Amino acid sequence: MAASRDFRRIAMSLEGTSEAPHFDRTAFKAVRIYATLAADGLTANVKFLPDEQAFKCMMAPQAFAPVPNAWGRQGWTTISLKAIDGVELQAALELAWRHATKKTTTKKNKCTN
């Protein structure tokens, strides 16, 4: 069973992470927001890829559920902290953090005459 203090400790240990208020939650950001913690400390939301979300929700439905609405369809997933252990919480946060810090590259076509 994980607690909000575990969530915060793990998130803040990930390189480049900062913590800031985000509506009624606390956001954890490294380049982009990758996780939020509910004010009551009972749940957290993390950003997975949709296929990662589907897998987590299938394997541990007591711990993971898609956020309702369009946010959930984008991969935002609610974690019930009392239903997850510290090892699995760390793995989930590291996965979300990696997505948030992944550099995107775009190829620009250069026309030469």
PDB file of N, CA and C in Angstrom:
ATOM      1  N   MET A   1       0.843  -1.177   0.000  1.00  0.00           N
ATOM      2  CA  MET A   1       0.000   0.000   0.000  1.00  0.00           C
ATOM      3  C   MET A   1       0.892   1.246   0.000  1.00  0.00           C
ATOM      4  N   ALA A   2       0.650   2.124  -0.949  1.00  0.00           N
ATOM      5  CA  ALA A   2       1.417   3.361  -1.049  1.00  0.00           C
ATOM      6  C   ALA A   2       0.620   4.513  -0.438  1.00  0.00           C
ATOM      7  N   ALA A   3       1.312   5.551  -0.088  1.00  0.00           N
ATOM      8  CA  ALA A   3       0.690   6.748   0.474  1.00  0.00           C
ATOM      9  C   ALA A   3       1.114   7.964  -0.346  1.00  0.00           C
ATOM     10  N   SER A   4       0.435   9.066  -0.112  1.00  0.00           N
ATOM     11  CA  SER A   4       0.755  10.287  -0.866  1.00  0.00           C
ATOM     12  C   SER A   4       2.202  10.711  -0.634  1.00  0.00           C
ATOM     13  N   ARG A   5       2.736  10.473   0.545  1.00  0.00           N
ATOM     14  CA  ARG A   5       4.144  10.841   0.809  1.00  0.00           C
ATOM     15  C   ARG A   5       5.089  10.006  -0.056  1.00  0.00           C
ATOM     16  N   ASP A   6       4.728   8.726  -0.302  1.00  0.00           N
ATOM     17  CA  ASP A   6       5.534   7.882  -1.194  1.00  0.00           C
ATOM     18  C   ASP A   6       5.482   8.425  -2.618  1.00  0.00           C
ATOM     19  N   PHE A   7       4.279   8.783  -3.066  1.00  0.00           N
ATOM     20  CA  PHE A   7       4.100   9.331  -4.400  1.00  0.00           C
ATOM     21  C   PHE A   7       4.971  10.568  -4.579  1.00  0.00           C
ATOM     22  N   ARG A   8       4.869  11.500  -3.637  1.00  0.00           N
ATOM     23  CA  ARG A   8       5.628  12.759  -3.715  1.00  0.00           C
ATOM     24  C   ARG A   8       7.139  12.479  -3.688  1.00  0.00           C
ATOM     25  N   ARG A   9       7.582  11.610  -2.811  1.00  0.00           N
ATOM     26  CA  ARG A   9       9.015  11.299  -2.689  1.00  0.00           C
ATOM     27  C   ARG A   9       9.555  10.717  -3.994  1.00  0.00           C
ATOM     28  N   ILE A  10       8.821   9.763  -4.561  1.00  0.00           N
ATOM     29  CA  ILE A  10       9.271   9.136  -5.808  1.00  0.00           C
ATOM     30  C   ILE A  10       9.268  10.145  -6.948  1.00  0.00           C
ATOM     31  N   ALA A  11       8.179  10.883  -7.090  1.00  0.00           N
ATOM     32  CA  ALA A  11       8.085  11.857  -8.179  1.00  0.00           C
ATOM     33  C   ALA A  11       9.208  12.890  -8.096  1.00  0.00           C
ATOM     34  N   MET A  12       9.449  13.408  -6.894  1.00  0.00           N
ATOM     35  CA  MET A  12      10.467  14.449  -6.751  1.00  0.00           C
ATOM     36  C   MET A  12      11.882  13.901  -6.906  1.00  0.00           C
ATOM     37  N   SER A  13      12.059  12.588  -6.854  1.00  0.00           N
ATOM     38  CA  SER A  13      13.382  12.001  -7.069  1.00  0.00           C
ATOM     39  C   SER A  13      13.719  11.867  -8.553  1.00  0.00           C
ATOM     40  N   LEU A  14      12.722  12.041  -9.419  1.00  0.00           N
ATOM     41  CA  LEU A  14      12.951  11.914 -10.859  1.00  0.00           C
ATOM     42  C   LEU A  14      13.519  13.224 -11.400  1.00  0.00           C
ATOM     43  N   GLU A  15      14.566  13.106 -12.162  1.00  0.00           N
ATOM     44  CA  GLU A  15      15.335  14.267 -12.628  1.00  0.00           C
ATOM     45  C   GLU A  15      14.464  15.334 -13.286  1.00  0.00           C
ATOM     46  N   GLY A  16      14.679  16.571 -12.865  1.00  0.00           N
ATOM     47  CA  GLY A  16      14.009  17.707 -13.470  1.00  0.00           C
ATOM     48  C   GLY A  16      12.576  17.926 -13.016  1.00  0.00           C
ATOM     49  N   THR A  17      12.102  17.162 -12.061  1.00  0.00           N
ATOM     50  CA  THR A  17      10.709  17.282 -11.619  1.00  0.00           C
ATOM     51  C   THR A  17      10.532  18.471 -10.695  1.00  0.00           C
ATOM     52  N   SER A  18       9.457  19.210 -10.946  1.00  0.00           N
ATOM     53  CA  SER A  18       9.040  20.282 -10.045  1.00  0.00           C
ATOM     54  C   SER A  18       7.596  20.026  -9.643  1.00  0.00           C
ATOM     55  N   GLU A  19       7.210  20.609  -8.537  1.00  0.00           N
ATOM     56  CA  GLU A  19       5.876  20.424  -7.979  1.00  0.00           C
ATOM     57  C   GLU A  19       5.186  21.782  -7.937  1.00  0.00           C
ATOM     58  N   ALA A  20       3.909  21.824  -8.343  1.00  0.00           N
ATOM     59  CA  ALA A  20       3.171  23.089  -8.344  1.00  0.00           C
ATOM     60  C   ALA A  20       1.674  22.817  -8.247  1.00  0.00           C
ATOM     61  N   PRO A  21       0.920  23.783  -7.729  1.00  0.00           N
ATOM     62  CA  PRO A  21      -0.536  23.621  -7.703  1.00  0.00           C
ATOM     63  C   PRO A  21      -1.080  23.517  -9.126  1.00  0.00           C
ATOM     64  N   HIS A  22      -2.120  22.709  -9.275  1.00  0.00           N
ATOM     65  CA  HIS A  22      -2.762  22.518 -10.578  1.00  0.00           C
ATOM     66  C   HIS A  22      -4.245  22.284 -10.318  1.00  0.00           C
ATOM     67  N   PHE A  23      -5.042  23.341 -10.436  1.00  0.00           N
ATOM     68  CA  PHE A  23      -6.461  23.302 -10.094  1.00  0.00           C
ATOM     69  C   PHE A  23      -6.599  22.810  -8.654  1.00  0.00           C
ATOM     70  N   ASP A  24      -7.341  21.730  -8.419  1.00  0.00           N
ATOM     71  CA  ASP A  24      -7.513  21.218  -7.054  1.00  0.00           C
ATOM     72  C   ASP A  24      -6.524  20.101  -6.731  1.00  0.00           C
ATOM     73  N   ARG A  25      -5.468  19.989  -7.495  1.00  0.00           N
ATOM     74  CA  ARG A  25      -4.485  18.923  -7.333  1.00  0.00           C
ATOM     75  C   ARG A  25      -3.085  19.532  -7.253  1.00  0.00           C
ATOM     76  N   THR A  26      -2.099  18.687  -7.050  1.00  0.00           N
ATOM     77  CA  THR A  26      -0.693  19.074  -7.140  1.00  0.00           C
ATOM     78  C   THR A  26      -0.126  18.392  -8.369  1.00  0.00           C
ATOM     79  N   ALA A  27       0.526  19.171  -9.227  1.00  0.00           N
ATOM     80  CA  ALA A  27       1.093  18.632 -10.466  1.00  0.00           C
ATOM     81  C   ALA A  27       2.587  18.396 -10.298  1.00  0.00           C
ATOM     82  N   PHE A  28       3.061  17.369 -10.988  1.00  0.00           N
ATOM     83  CA  PHE A  28       4.486  17.045 -11.044  1.00  0.00           C
ATOM     84  C   PHE A  28       4.886  17.116 -12.512  1.00  0.00           C
ATOM     85  N   LYS A  29       5.882  17.966 -12.773  1.00  0.00           N
ATOM     86  CA  LYS A  29       6.223  18.299 -14.153  1.00  0.00           C
ATOM     87  C   LYS A  29       7.721  18.160 -14.377  1.00  0.00           C
ATOM     88  N   ALA A  30       8.068  17.596 -15.525  1.00  0.00           N
ATOM     89  CA  ALA A  30       9.439  17.571 -16.023  1.00  0.00           C
ATOM     90  C   ALA A  30       9.276  17.759 -17.531  1.00  0.00           C
ATOM     91  N   VAL A  31       9.478  18.925 -18.024  1.00  0.00           N
ATOM     92  CA  VAL A  31       9.176  19.365 -19.382  1.00  0.00           C
ATOM     93  C   VAL A  31       7.659  19.527 -19.518  1.00  0.00           C
ATOM     94  N   ARG A  32       6.895  18.424 -19.312  1.00  0.00           N
ATOM     95  CA  ARG A  32       5.428  18.465 -19.318  1.00  0.00           C
ATOM     96  C   ARG A  32       4.924  17.836 -18.023  1.00  0.00           C
ATOM     97  N   ILE A  33       3.681  18.112 -17.674  1.00  0.00           N
ATOM     98  CA  ILE A  33       3.068  17.463 -16.515  1.00  0.00           C
ATOM     99  C   ILE A  33       2.924  15.977 -16.821  1.00  0.00           C
ATOM    100  N   TYR A  34       3.388  15.147 -15.909  1.00  0.00           N
ATOM    101  CA  TYR A  34       3.269  13.706 -16.094  1.00  0.00           C
ATOM    102  C   TYR A  34       2.457  13.048 -14.984  1.00  0.00           C
ATOM    103  N   ALA A  35       2.158  13.785 -13.922  1.00  0.00           N
ATOM    104  CA  ALA A  35       1.396  13.203 -12.826  1.00  0.00           C
ATOM    105  C   ALA A  35       0.755  14.302 -12.002  1.00  0.00           C
ATOM    106  N   THR A  36      -0.378  13.965 -11.390  1.00  0.00           N
ATOM    107  CA  THR A  36      -1.015  14.867 -10.432  1.00  0.00           C
ATOM    108  C   THR A  36      -1.448  14.052  -9.226  1.00  0.00           C
ATOM    109  N   LEU A  37      -1.498  14.711  -8.081  1.00  0.00           N
ATOM    110  CA  LEU A  37      -1.888  14.079  -6.829  1.00  0.00           C
ATOM    111  C   LEU A  37      -3.121  14.791  -6.296  1.00  0.00           C
ATOM    112  N   ALA A  38      -4.153  14.022  -5.953  1.00  0.00           N
ATOM    113  CA  ALA A  38      -5.390  14.598  -5.420  1.00  0.00           C
ATOM    114  C   ALA A  38      -5.119  15.241  -4.066  1.00  0.00           C
ATOM    115  N   ALA A  39      -5.898  16.262  -3.747  1.00  0.00           N
ATOM    116  CA  ALA A  39      -5.737  16.986  -2.486  1.00  0.00           C
ATOM    117  C   ALA A  39      -5.914  16.067  -1.282  1.00  0.00           C
ATOM    118  N   ASP A  40      -6.787  15.063  -1.388  1.00  0.00           N
ATOM    119  CA  ASP A  40      -7.010  14.148  -0.257  1.00  0.00           C
ATOM    120  C   ASP A  40      -5.925  13.082  -0.146  1.00  0.00           C
ATOM    121  N   GLY A  41      -5.017  12.999  -1.129  1.00  0.00           N
ATOM    122  CA  GLY A  41      -3.911  12.060  -1.094  1.00  0.00           C
ATOM    123  C   GLY A  41      -4.284  10.604  -1.326  1.00  0.00           C
ATOM    124  N   LEU A  42      -5.515  10.351  -1.752  1.00  0.00           N
ATOM    125  CA  LEU A  42      -5.959   8.976  -1.945  1.00  0.00           C
ATOM    126  C   LEU A  42      -5.719   8.458  -3.358  1.00  0.00           C
ATOM    127  N   THR A  43      -5.712   9.361  -4.322  1.00  0.00           N
ATOM    128  CA  THR A  43      -5.513   8.977  -5.716  1.00  0.00           C
ATOM    129  C   THR A  43      -4.510   9.901  -6.383  1.00  0.00           C
ATOM    130  N   ALA A  44      -3.990   9.414  -7.494  1.00  0.00           N
ATOM    131  CA  ALA A  44      -3.088  10.203  -8.326  1.00  0.00           C
ATOM    132  C   ALA A  44      -3.414   9.880  -9.769  1.00  0.00           C
ATOM    133  N   ASN A  45      -3.101  10.786 -10.647  1.00  0.00           N
ATOM    134  CA  ASN A  45      -3.257  10.560 -12.081  1.00  0.00           C
ATOM    135  C   ASN A  45      -1.879  10.596 -12.729  1.00  0.00           C
ATOM    136  N   VAL A  46      -1.643   9.684 -13.655  1.00  0.00           N
ATOM    137  CA  VAL A  46      -0.398   9.651 -14.414  1.00  0.00           C
ATOM    138  C   VAL A  46      -0.722   9.528 -15.890  1.00  0.00           C
ATOM    139  N   LYS A  47       0.207   9.969 -16.726  1.00  0.00           N
ATOM    140  CA  LYS A  47       0.008   9.949 -18.168  1.00  0.00           C
ATOM    141  C   LYS A  47       0.771   8.784 -18.780  1.00  0.00           C
ATOM    142  N   PHE A  48       0.011   7.791 -19.270  1.00  0.00           N
ATOM    143  CA  PHE A  48       0.569   6.655 -19.999  1.00  0.00           C
ATOM    144  C   PHE A  48       0.207   6.796 -21.469  1.00  0.00           C
ATOM    145  N   LEU A  49       0.806   5.972 -22.307  1.00  0.00           N
ATOM    146  CA  LEU A  49       0.307   5.805 -23.661  1.00  0.00           C
ATOM    147  C   LEU A  49      -0.974   4.975 -23.552  1.00  0.00           C
ATOM    148  N   PRO A  50      -1.919   5.135 -24.475  1.00  0.00           N
ATOM    149  CA  PRO A  50      -3.180   4.387 -24.366  1.00  0.00           C
ATOM    150  C   PRO A  50      -3.011   2.874 -24.239  1.00  0.00           C
ATOM    151  N   ASP A  51      -2.053   2.283 -24.945  1.00  0.00           N
ATOM    152  CA  ASP A  51      -1.883   0.830 -24.819  1.00  0.00           C
ATOM    153  C   ASP A  51      -1.294   0.443 -23.461  1.00  0.00           C
ATOM    154  N   GLU A  52      -0.449   1.285 -22.900  1.00  0.00           N
ATOM    155  CA  GLU A  52       0.080   1.034 -21.554  1.00  0.00           C
ATOM    156  C   GLU A  52      -1.050   1.135 -20.526  1.00  0.00           C
ATOM    157  N   GLN A  53      -1.904   2.125 -20.704  1.00  0.00           N
ATOM    158  CA  GLN A  53      -3.054   2.300 -19.821  1.00  0.00           C
ATOM    159  C   GLN A  53      -3.952   1.063 -19.857  1.00  0.00           C
ATOM    160  N   ALA A  54      -4.269   0.593 -21.051  1.00  0.00           N
ATOM    161  CA  ALA A  54      -5.131  -0.583 -21.195  1.00  0.00           C
ATOM    162  C   ALA A  54      -4.513  -1.787 -20.497  1.00  0.00           C
ATOM    163  N   PHE A  55      -3.220  -1.976 -20.644  1.00  0.00           N
ATOM    164  CA  PHE A  55      -2.542  -3.106 -20.011  1.00  0.00           C
ATOM    165  C   PHE A  55      -2.594  -3.001 -18.487  1.00  0.00           C
ATOM    166  N   LYS A  56      -2.241  -1.822 -17.957  1.00  0.00           N
ATOM    167  CA  LYS A  56      -2.256  -1.629 -16.496  1.00  0.00           C
ATOM    168  C   LYS A  56      -3.652  -1.857 -15.942  1.00  0.00           C
ATOM    169  N   CYS A  57      -4.673  -1.305 -16.607  1.00  0.00           N
ATOM    170  CA  CYS A  57      -6.052  -1.442 -16.133  1.00  0.00           C
ATOM    171  C   CYS A  57      -6.525  -2.891 -16.203  1.00  0.00           C
ATOM    172  N   MET A  58      -6.064  -3.632 -17.192  1.00  0.00           N
ATOM    173  CA  MET A  58      -6.433  -5.041 -17.320  1.00  0.00           C
ATOM    174  C   MET A  58      -5.752  -5.878 -16.237  1.00  0.00           C
ATOM    175  N   MET A  59      -4.474  -5.615 -15.988  1.00  0.00           N
ATOM    176  CA  MET A  59      -3.707  -6.419 -15.045  1.00  0.00           C
ATOM    177  C   MET A  59      -4.015  -6.092 -13.578  1.00  0.00           C
ATOM    178  N   ALA A  60      -4.365  -4.846 -13.279  1.00  0.00           N
ATOM    179  CA  ALA A  60      -4.608  -4.444 -11.886  1.00  0.00           C
ATOM    180  C   ALA A  60      -5.776  -3.460 -11.825  1.00  0.00           C
ATOM    181  N   PRO A  61      -6.996  -3.925 -12.125  1.00  0.00           N
ATOM    182  CA  PRO A  61      -8.145  -3.006 -12.153  1.00  0.00           C
ATOM    183  C   PRO A  61      -8.479  -2.388 -10.791  1.00  0.00           C
ATOM    184  N   GLN A  62      -8.005  -2.994  -9.721  1.00  0.00           N
ATOM    185  CA  GLN A  62      -8.223  -2.421  -8.399  1.00  0.00           C
ATOM    186  C   GLN A  62      -7.330  -1.207  -8.157  1.00  0.00           C
ATOM    187  N   ALA A  63      -6.266  -1.087  -8.924  1.00  0.00           N
ATOM    188  CA  ALA A  63      -5.296  -0.010  -8.741  1.00  0.00           C
ATOM    189  C   ALA A  63      -5.343   1.046  -9.842  1.00  0.00           C
ATOM    190  N   PHE A  64      -5.675   0.657 -11.067  1.00  0.00           N
ATOM    191  CA  PHE A  64      -5.616   1.558 -12.215  1.00  0.00           C
ATOM    192  C   PHE A  64      -6.970   1.659 -12.902  1.00  0.00           C
ATOM    193  N   ALA A  65      -7.342   2.874 -13.309  1.00  0.00           N
ATOM    194  CA  ALA A  65      -8.575   3.096 -14.072  1.00  0.00           C
ATOM    195  C   ALA A  65      -8.377   4.325 -14.955  1.00  0.00           C
ATOM    196  N   PRO A  66      -8.902   4.297 -16.176  1.00  0.00           N
ATOM    197  CA  PRO A  66      -8.801   5.483 -17.025  1.00  0.00           C
ATOM    198  C   PRO A  66      -9.530   6.662 -16.376  1.00  0.00           C
ATOM    199  N   VAL A  67      -8.976   7.842 -16.508  1.00  0.00           N
ATOM    200  CA  VAL A  67      -9.686   9.048 -16.080  1.00  0.00           C
ATOM    201  C   VAL A  67     -10.913   9.158 -16.981  1.00  0.00           C
ATOM    202  N   PRO A  68     -12.084   9.452 -16.417  1.00  0.00           N
ATOM    203  CA  PRO A  68     -13.272   9.583 -17.278  1.00  0.00           C
ATOM    204  C   PRO A  68     -13.092  10.723 -18.285  1.00  0.00           C
ATOM    205  N   ASN A  69     -13.677  10.615 -19.423  1.00  0.00           N
ATOM    206  CA  ASN A  69     -13.728  11.642 -20.470  1.00  0.00           C
ATOM    207  C   ASN A  69     -12.523  11.584 -21.409  1.00  0.00           C
ATOM    208  N   ALA A  70     -12.335  12.647 -22.140  1.00  0.00           N
ATOM    209  CA  ALA A  70     -11.281  12.689 -23.162  1.00  0.00           C
ATOM    210  C   ALA A  70      -9.886  12.555 -22.559  1.00  0.00           C
ATOM    211  N   TRP A  71      -9.674  13.021 -21.338  1.00  0.00           N
ATOM    212  CA  TRP A  71      -8.357  12.876 -20.714  1.00  0.00           C
ATOM    213  C   TRP A  71      -7.976  11.402 -20.614  1.00  0.00           C
ATOM    214  N   GLY A  72      -8.927  10.570 -20.243  1.00  0.00           N
ATOM    215  CA  GLY A  72      -8.666   9.138 -20.148  1.00  0.00           C
ATOM    216  C   GLY A  72      -8.346   8.519 -21.497  1.00  0.00           C
ATOM    217  N   ARG A  73      -9.025   8.975 -22.545  1.00  0.00           N
ATOM    218  CA  ARG A  73      -8.738   8.449 -23.884  1.00  0.00           C
ATOM    219  C   ARG A  73      -7.346   8.843 -24.357  1.00  0.00           C
ATOM    220  N   GLN A  74      -6.765   9.878 -23.758  1.00  0.00           N
ATOM    221  CA  GLN A  74      -5.401  10.296 -24.088  1.00  0.00           C
ATOM    222  C   GLN A  74      -4.354   9.547 -23.271  1.00  0.00           C
ATOM    223  N   GLY A  75      -4.799   8.686 -22.348  1.00  0.00           N
ATOM    224  CA  GLY A  75      -3.862   7.898 -21.554  1.00  0.00           C
ATOM    225  C   GLY A  75      -3.775   8.285 -20.087  1.00  0.00           C
ATOM    226  N   TRP A  76      -4.452   9.363 -19.682  1.00  0.00           N
ATOM    227  CA  TRP A  76      -4.432   9.738 -18.273  1.00  0.00           C
ATOM    228  C   TRP A  76      -5.154   8.674 -17.467  1.00  0.00           C
ATOM    229  N   THR A  77      -4.474   8.208 -16.429  1.00  0.00           N
ATOM    230  CA  THR A  77      -4.917   7.043 -15.661  1.00  0.00           C
ATOM    231  C   THR A  77      -4.905   7.371 -14.175  1.00  0.00           C
ATOM    232  N   THR A  78      -5.991   7.023 -13.487  1.00  0.00           N
ATOM    233  CA  THR A  78      -6.072   7.217 -12.044  1.00  0.00           C
ATOM    234  C   THR A  78      -5.495   6.004 -11.329  1.00  0.00           C
ATOM    235  N   ILE A  79      -4.681   6.274 -10.330  1.00  0.00           N
ATOM    236  CA  ILE A  79      -4.118   5.226  -9.476  1.00  0.00           C
ATOM    237  C   ILE A  79      -4.735   5.361  -8.090  1.00  0.00           C
ATOM    238  N   SER A  80      -5.274   4.278  -7.580  1.00  0.00           N
ATOM    239  CA  SER A  80      -5.717   4.218  -6.187  1.00  0.00           C
ATOM    240  C   SER A  80      -4.488   3.853  -5.359  1.00  0.00           C
ATOM    241  N   LEU A  81      -3.986   4.801  -4.586  1.00  0.00           N
ATOM    242  CA  LEU A  81      -2.718   4.586  -3.893  1.00  0.00           C
ATOM    243  C   LEU A  81      -2.789   3.452  -2.875  1.00  0.00           C
ATOM    244  N   LYS A  82      -3.935   3.234  -2.247  1.00  0.00           N
ATOM    245  CA  LYS A  82      -4.022   2.156  -1.263  1.00  0.00           C
ATOM    246  C   LYS A  82      -3.995   0.768  -1.915  1.00  0.00           C
ATOM    247  N   ALA A  83      -4.174   0.720  -3.233  1.00  0.00           N
ATOM    248  CA  ALA A  83      -4.220  -0.564  -3.940  1.00  0.00           C
ATOM    249  C   ALA A  83      -2.928  -0.884  -4.684  1.00  0.00           C
ATOM    250  N   ILE A  84      -1.879  -0.111  -4.450  1.00  0.00           N
ATOM    251  CA  ILE A  84      -0.631  -0.293  -5.187  1.00  0.00           C
ATOM    252  C   ILE A  84       0.532  -0.298  -4.198  1.00  0.00           C
ATOM    253  N   ASP A  85       1.559  -1.085  -4.503  1.00  0.00           N
ATOM    254  CA  ASP A  85       2.732  -1.070  -3.623  1.00  0.00           C
ATOM    255  C   ASP A  85       3.760  -0.072  -4.161  1.00  0.00           C
ATOM    256  N   GLY A  86       4.767   0.180  -3.366  1.00  0.00           N
ATOM    257  CA  GLY A  86       5.770   1.170  -3.716  1.00  0.00           C
ATOM    258  C   GLY A  86       6.540   0.849  -4.983  1.00  0.00           C
ATOM    259  N   VAL A  87       6.820  -0.419  -5.213  1.00  0.00           N
ATOM    260  CA  VAL A  87       7.573  -0.819  -6.412  1.00  0.00           C
ATOM    261  C   VAL A  87       6.760  -0.528  -7.669  1.00  0.00           C
ATOM    262  N   GLU A  88       5.472  -0.908  -7.645  1.00  0.00           N
ATOM    263  CA  GLU A  88       4.627  -0.660  -8.811  1.00  0.00           C
ATOM    264  C   GLU A  88       4.374   0.839  -8.998  1.00  0.00           C
ATOM    265  N   LEU A  89       4.246   1.580  -7.902  1.00  0.00           N
ATOM    266  CA  LEU A  89       4.071   3.027  -7.996  1.00  0.00           C
ATOM    267  C   LEU A  89       5.301   3.662  -8.630  1.00  0.00           C
ATOM    268  N   GLN A  90       6.469   3.250  -8.217  1.00  0.00           N
ATOM    269  CA  GLN A  90       7.694   3.798  -8.801  1.00  0.00           C
ATOM    270  C   GLN A  90       7.766   3.495 -10.292  1.00  0.00           C
ATOM    271  N   ALA A  91       7.421   2.271 -10.670  1.00  0.00           N
ATOM    272  CA  ALA A  91       7.452   1.906 -12.089  1.00  0.00           C
ATOM    273  C   ALA A  91       6.473   2.762 -12.892  1.00  0.00           C
ATOM    274  N   ALA A  92       5.285   3.002 -12.352  1.00  0.00           N
ATOM    275  CA  ALA A  92       4.281   3.816 -13.050  1.00  0.00           C
ATOM    276  C   ALA A  92       4.765   5.257 -13.196  1.00  0.00           C
ATOM    277  N   LEU A  93       5.307   5.820 -12.129  1.00  0.00           N
ATOM    278  CA  LEU A  93       5.800   7.197 -12.199  1.00  0.00           C
ATOM    279  C   LEU A  93       6.979   7.329 -13.148  1.00  0.00           C
ATOM    280  N   GLU A  94       7.884   6.375 -13.127  1.00  0.00           N
ATOM    281  CA  GLU A  94       9.037   6.430 -14.042  1.00  0.00           C
ATOM    282  C   GLU A  94       8.595   6.336 -15.491  1.00  0.00           C
ATOM    283  N   LEU A  95       7.606   5.507 -15.774  1.00  0.00           N
ATOM    284  CA  LEU A  95       7.090   5.381 -17.136  1.00  0.00           C
ATOM    285  C   LEU A  95       6.478   6.700 -17.596  1.00  0.00           C
ATOM    286  N   ALA A  96       5.635   7.285 -16.770  1.00  0.00           N
ATOM    287  CA  ALA A  96       5.003   8.565 -17.118  1.00  0.00           C
ATOM    288  C   ALA A  96       6.061   9.661 -17.268  1.00  0.00           C
ATOM    289  N   TRP A  97       7.051   9.677 -16.376  1.00  0.00           N
ATOM    290  CA  TRP A  97       8.129  10.661 -16.435  1.00  0.00           C
ATOM    291  C   TRP A  97       8.914  10.532 -17.736  1.00  0.00           C
ATOM    292  N   ARG A  98       9.216   9.293 -18.148  1.00  0.00           N
ATOM    293  CA  ARG A  98       9.960   9.084 -19.406  1.00  0.00           C
ATOM    294  C   ARG A  98       9.208   9.673 -20.594  1.00  0.00           C
ATOM    295  N   HIS A  99       7.897   9.475 -20.627  1.00  0.00           N
ATOM    296  CA  HIS A  99       7.108  10.053 -21.725  1.00  0.00           C
ATOM    297  C   HIS A  99       7.164  11.578 -21.697  1.00  0.00           C
ATOM    298  N   ALA A 100       7.108  12.151 -20.511  1.00  0.00           N
ATOM    299  CA  ALA A 100       7.109  13.614 -20.382  1.00  0.00           C
ATOM    300  C   ALA A 100       8.446  14.231 -20.748  1.00  0.00           C
ATOM    301  N   THR A 101       9.508  13.482 -20.599  1.00  0.00           N
ATOM    302  CA  THR A 101      10.840  14.042 -20.853  1.00  0.00           C
ATOM    303  C   THR A 101      11.432  13.614 -22.186  1.00  0.00           C
ATOM    304  N   LYS A 102      10.713  12.744 -22.888  1.00  0.00           N
ATOM    305  CA  LYS A 102      11.212  12.274 -24.178  1.00  0.00           C
ATOM    306  C   LYS A 102      11.292  13.446 -25.145  1.00  0.00           C
ATOM    307  N   LYS A 103      12.430  13.582 -25.765  1.00  0.00           N
ATOM    308  CA  LYS A 103      12.597  14.648 -26.749  1.00  0.00           C
ATOM    309  C   LYS A 103      11.861  14.280 -28.021  1.00  0.00           C
ATOM    310  N   THR A 104      11.130  15.227 -28.530  1.00  0.00           N
ATOM    311  CA  THR A 104      10.469  15.007 -29.815  1.00  0.00           C
ATOM    312  C   THR A 104      11.323  15.652 -30.889  1.00  0.00           C
ATOM    313  N   THR A 105      11.439  14.947 -31.971  1.00  0.00           N
ATOM    314  CA  THR A 105      12.214  15.484 -33.072  1.00  0.00           C
ATOM    315  C   THR A 105      11.295  15.607 -34.282  1.00  0.00           C
ATOM    316  N   THR A 106      11.483  16.651 -34.994  1.00  0.00           N
ATOM    317  CA  THR A 106      10.725  16.834 -36.223  1.00  0.00           C
ATOM    318  C   THR A 106      11.717  17.015 -37.348  1.00  0.00           C
ATOM    319  N   LYS A 107      11.390  16.429 -38.450  1.00  0.00           N
ATOM    320  CA  LYS A 107      12.238  16.570 -39.615  1.00  0.00           C
ATOM    321  C   LYS A 107      11.674  17.705 -40.462  1.00  0.00           C
ATOM    322  N   LYS A 108      12.538  18.603 -40.805  1.00  0.00           N
ATOM    323  CA  LYS A 108      12.135  19.711 -41.653  1.00  0.00           C
ATOM    324  C   LYS A 108      12.710  19.465 -43.044  1.00  0.00           C
ATOM    325  N   ASN A 109      11.842  19.579 -44.010  1.00  0.00           N
ATOM    326  CA  ASN A 109      12.298  19.445 -45.388  1.00  0.00           C
ATOM    327  C   ASN A 109      12.958  20.751 -45.816  1.00  0.00           C
ATOM    328  N   LYS A 110      14.129  20.632 -46.329  1.00  0.00           N
ATOM    329  CA  LYS A 110      14.839  21.809 -46.804  1.00  0.00           C
ATOM    330  C   LYS A 110      14.888  21.729 -48.318  1.00  0.00           C
ATOM    331  N   CYS A 111      14.413  22.756 -48.916  1.00  0.00           N
ATOM    332  CA  CYS A 111      14.461  22.830 -50.374  1.00  0.00           C
ATOM    333  C   CYS A 111      15.759  23.530 -50.767  1.00  0.00           C
ATOM    334  N   THR A 112      16.455  22.924 -51.643  1.00  0.00           N
ATOM    335  CA  THR A 112      17.679  23.540 -52.147  1.00  0.00           C
ATOM    336  C   THR A 112      17.560  23.671 -53.657  1.00  0.00           C
ATOM    337  N   ASN A 113      17.994  24.738 -54.122  1.00  0.00           N
ATOM    338  CA  ASN A 113      17.966  24.983 -55.569  1.00  0.00           C
ATOM    339  C   ASN A 113      19.350  24.954 -56.121  1.00  0.00           C
TER     340      ASN A 113
END
